[in-house]
Amino acid sequence: MNPPTDNVMKTTPRKFPWQRNGMTYRTGSDGQRICTGSMMGRRESIPHDADSIVRVRLRKVRMSADGCYDQGGAYWGQGTPLYCAWGDSGTEQAEIWFRAKSRAEAKAHVLKSFPNAKFHS
């Protein structure tokens, strides 16, 4: 079956892990969502089958002008550059966050969590 020709396929821009919303919310008495601030960092996810993660993406995270927040609004504080590495195992998405002085140091850190990692841009 062919897709309808009158529908134009919309592409969704790729979001990096640090571009997801990093704000925290609560629900007010009227049911409205109220922003309560920023998350402190982001949650890591290392699956039980981390050895099966082969294709890993590693990026230095772009920070706000003051160097404390990622693009999604999660708070990290200032310090050594922040990196994120992510990939898929056979069962789930894996994601780690850490600080490193260089890309070489960041790769070494990733290999401790994902020993079979091959890095892709």
C-alpha atoms as a PDB file:
ATOM      1  CA  MET A   1       0.000   0.000   0.000  1.00  0.00           C
ATOM      2  CA  ASN A   2       1.398   3.379  -1.021  1.00  0.00           C
ATOM      3  CA  PRO A   3       1.253   6.369   1.316  1.00  0.00           C
ATOM      4  CA  PRO A   4      -1.159   9.150   0.320  1.00  0.00           C
ATOM      5  CA  THR A   5       0.480  11.657  -2.005  1.00  0.00           C
ATOM      6  CA  ASP A   6      -1.341  14.682  -0.591  1.00  0.00           C
ATOM      7  CA  ASN A   7       0.371  14.349   2.791  1.00  0.00           C
ATOM      8  CA  VAL A   8       3.785  15.921   3.083  1.00  0.00           C
ATOM      9  CA  MET A   9       6.117  14.034   5.409  1.00  0.00           C
ATOM     10  CA  LYS A  10       7.218  16.321   8.198  1.00  0.00           C
ATOM     11  CA  THR A  11      10.677  15.865   9.583  1.00  0.00           C
ATOM     12  CA  THR A  12      11.299  16.363  13.258  1.00  0.00           C
ATOM     13  CA  PRO A  13      14.589  18.049  14.087  1.00  0.00           C
ATOM     14  CA  ARG A  14      16.915  15.730  15.972  1.00  0.00           C
ATOM     15  CA  LYS A  15      17.074  16.472  19.656  1.00  0.00           C
ATOM     16  CA  PHE A  16      20.166  15.724  21.657  1.00  0.00           C
ATOM     17  CA  PRO A  17      19.684  14.405  25.201  1.00  0.00           C
ATOM     18  CA  TRP A  18      20.563  17.800  26.695  1.00  0.00           C
ATOM     19  CA  GLN A  19      17.894  19.556  24.630  1.00  0.00           C
ATOM     20  CA  ARG A  20      15.017  17.767  26.369  1.00  0.00           C
ATOM     21  CA  ASN A  21      13.156  19.938  28.823  1.00  0.00           C
ATOM     22  CA  GLY A  22      15.187  20.193  32.022  1.00  0.00           C
ATOM     23  CA  MET A  23      12.608  22.123  34.012  1.00  0.00           C
ATOM     24  CA  THR A  24      10.624  20.683  36.924  1.00  0.00           C
ATOM     25  CA  TYR A  25       6.907  21.266  37.361  1.00  0.00           C
ATOM     26  CA  ARG A  26       4.037  20.747  39.781  1.00  0.00           C
ATOM     27  CA  THR A  27       0.316  20.953  39.200  1.00  0.00           C
ATOM     28  CA  GLY A  28      -1.568  23.828  40.808  1.00  0.00           C
ATOM     29  CA  SER A  29      -4.996  23.538  42.440  1.00  0.00           C
ATOM     30  CA  ASP A  30      -6.577  24.652  39.168  1.00  0.00           C
ATOM     31  CA  GLY A  31      -4.803  21.843  37.258  1.00  0.00           C
ATOM     32  CA  GLN A  32      -2.366  24.219  35.580  1.00  0.00           C
ATOM     33  CA  ARG A  33       1.288  23.236  35.254  1.00  0.00           C
ATOM     34  CA  ILE A  34       3.603  25.491  37.303  1.00  0.00           C
ATOM     35  CA  CYS A  35       7.370  25.609  36.737  1.00  0.00           C
ATOM     36  CA  THR A  36       9.283  25.085  39.981  1.00  0.00           C
ATOM     37  CA  GLY A  37      12.818  25.412  38.640  1.00  0.00           C
ATOM     38  CA  SER A  38      15.486  23.298  36.997  1.00  0.00           C
ATOM     39  CA  MET A  39      16.538  19.712  37.458  1.00  0.00           C
ATOM     40  CA  MET A  40      19.930  19.251  39.048  1.00  0.00           C
ATOM     41  CA  GLY A  41      21.749  17.506  36.219  1.00  0.00           C
ATOM     42  CA  ARG A  42      20.086  14.641  34.346  1.00  0.00           C
ATOM     43  CA  ARG A  43      19.461  10.997  35.097  1.00  0.00           C
ATOM     44  CA  GLU A  44      21.855   8.373  33.746  1.00  0.00           C
ATOM     45  CA  SER A  45      20.633   5.160  32.217  1.00  0.00           C
ATOM     46  CA  ILE A  46      23.009   2.204  32.026  1.00  0.00           C
ATOM     47  CA  PRO A  47      21.213  -1.011  31.035  1.00  0.00           C
ATOM     48  CA  HIS A  48      22.124  -4.444  32.366  1.00  0.00           C
ATOM     49  CA  ASP A  49      23.357  -5.408  28.873  1.00  0.00           C
ATOM     50  CA  ALA A  50      25.781  -2.470  28.527  1.00  0.00           C
ATOM     51  CA  ASP A  51      28.279  -4.766  26.778  1.00  0.00           C
ATOM     52  CA  SER A  52      25.875  -4.916  23.830  1.00  0.00           C
ATOM     53  CA  ILE A  53      26.161  -1.171  23.236  1.00  0.00           C
ATOM     54  CA  VAL A  54      28.456  -0.765  20.271  1.00  0.00           C
ATOM     55  CA  ARG A  55      27.429   2.416  18.474  1.00  0.00           C
ATOM     56  CA  VAL A  56      27.894   5.341  20.858  1.00  0.00           C
ATOM     57  CA  ARG A  57      27.499   9.029  20.245  1.00  0.00           C
ATOM     58  CA  LEU A  58      29.674  11.336  22.341  1.00  0.00           C
ATOM     59  CA  ARG A  59      29.219  15.085  22.445  1.00  0.00           C
ATOM     60  CA  LYS A  60      30.419  17.986  24.501  1.00  0.00           C
ATOM     61  CA  VAL A  61      27.278  19.638  25.872  1.00  0.00           C
ATOM     62  CA  ARG A  62      26.677  23.259  24.923  1.00  0.00           C
ATOM     63  CA  MET A  63      26.018  25.298  28.007  1.00  0.00           C
ATOM     64  CA  SER A  64      24.270  28.615  28.668  1.00  0.00           C
ATOM     65  CA  ALA A  65      26.226  31.863  28.627  1.00  0.00           C
ATOM     66  CA  ASP A  66      26.940  31.558  32.366  1.00  0.00           C
ATOM     67  CA  GLY A  67      28.092  27.945  31.899  1.00  0.00           C
ATOM     68  CA  CYS A  68      25.653  26.495  34.434  1.00  0.00           C
ATOM     69  CA  TYR A  69      22.679  25.180  32.395  1.00  0.00           C
ATOM     70  CA  ASP A  70      22.354  22.891  29.390  1.00  0.00           C
ATOM     71  CA  GLN A  71      20.114  23.847  26.445  1.00  0.00           C
ATOM     72  CA  GLY A  72      17.093  22.131  27.992  1.00  0.00           C
ATOM     73  CA  GLY A  73      17.439  24.062  31.256  1.00  0.00           C
ATOM     74  CA  ALA A  74      18.944  21.389  33.541  1.00  0.00           C
ATOM     75  CA  TYR A  75      21.366  22.858  36.080  1.00  0.00           C
ATOM     76  CA  TRP A  76      24.965  21.553  36.200  1.00  0.00           C
ATOM     77  CA  GLY A  77      26.946  24.360  37.800  1.00  0.00           C
ATOM     78  CA  GLN A  78      30.241  25.582  36.406  1.00  0.00           C
ATOM     79  CA  GLY A  79      33.303  23.438  35.951  1.00  0.00           C
ATOM     80  CA  THR A  80      35.195  21.169  33.601  1.00  0.00           C
ATOM     81  CA  PRO A  81      33.359  20.685  30.259  1.00  0.00           C
ATOM     82  CA  LEU A  82      30.283  18.464  30.411  1.00  0.00           C
ATOM     83  CA  TYR A  83      29.916  15.494  28.054  1.00  0.00           C
ATOM     84  CA  CYS A  84      27.051  13.186  27.204  1.00  0.00           C
ATOM     85  CA  ALA A  85      27.367   9.721  25.646  1.00  0.00           C
ATOM     86  CA  TRP A  86      24.367   7.731  24.467  1.00  0.00           C
ATOM     87  CA  GLY A  87      23.513   4.641  22.479  1.00  0.00           C
ATOM     88  CA  ASP A  88      21.139   1.699  22.286  1.00  0.00           C
ATOM     89  CA  SER A  89      21.601  -1.699  23.852  1.00  0.00           C
ATOM     90  CA  GLY A  90      19.490  -4.634  22.780  1.00  0.00           C
ATOM     91  CA  THR A  91      16.871  -3.606  25.328  1.00  0.00           C
ATOM     92  CA  GLU A  92      16.935   0.136  25.944  1.00  0.00           C
ATOM     93  CA  GLN A  93      18.504   3.549  25.425  1.00  0.00           C
ATOM     94  CA  ALA A  94      21.662   4.192  27.438  1.00  0.00           C
ATOM     95  CA  GLU A  95      22.846   7.620  28.492  1.00  0.00           C
ATOM     96  CA  ILE A  96      25.687   8.846  30.701  1.00  0.00           C
ATOM     97  CA  TRP A  97      26.735  12.343  31.766  1.00  0.00           C
ATOM     98  CA  PHE A  98      30.168  13.316  33.029  1.00  0.00           C
ATOM     99  CA  ARG A  99      32.863  15.979  33.026  1.00  0.00           C
ATOM    100  CA  ALA A 100      36.133  15.612  31.141  1.00  0.00           C
ATOM    101  CA  LYS A 101      38.995  17.901  30.158  1.00  0.00           C
ATOM    102  CA  SER A 102      39.267  16.587  26.587  1.00  0.00           C
ATOM    103  CA  ARG A 103      37.517  14.336  24.076  1.00  0.00           C
ATOM    104  CA  ALA A 104      40.216  11.687  24.601  1.00  0.00           C
ATOM    105  CA  GLU A 105      39.545  11.708  28.356  1.00  0.00           C
ATOM    106  CA  ALA A 106      35.796  11.547  27.623  1.00  0.00           C
ATOM    107  CA  LYS A 107      36.233   8.489  25.382  1.00  0.00           C
ATOM    108  CA  ALA A 108      38.219   6.708  28.102  1.00  0.00           C
ATOM    109  CA  HIS A 109      35.417   7.444  30.552  1.00  0.00           C
ATOM    110  CA  VAL A 110      32.768   6.056  28.178  1.00  0.00           C
ATOM    111  CA  LEU A 111      34.721   2.823  27.664  1.00  0.00           C
ATOM    112  CA  LYS A 112      34.498   2.135  31.411  1.00  0.00           C
ATOM    113  CA  SER A 113      30.686   2.004  31.131  1.00  0.00           C
ATOM    114  CA  PHE A 114      30.392   0.674  27.560  1.00  0.00           C
ATOM    115  CA  PRO A 115      33.486  -1.492  26.955  1.00  0.00           C
ATOM    116  CA  ASN A 116      32.603  -2.371  23.319  1.00  0.00           C
ATOM    117  CA  ALA A 117      31.836   1.204  22.256  1.00  0.00           C
ATOM    118  CA  LYS A 118      32.701   2.481  18.801  1.00  0.00           C
ATOM    119  CA  PHE A 119      32.262   6.230  18.564  1.00  0.00           C
ATOM    120  CA  HIS A 120      30.049   7.874  15.929  1.00  0.00           C
ATOM    121  CA  SER A 121      29.427  11.564  15.481  1.00  0.00           C
END
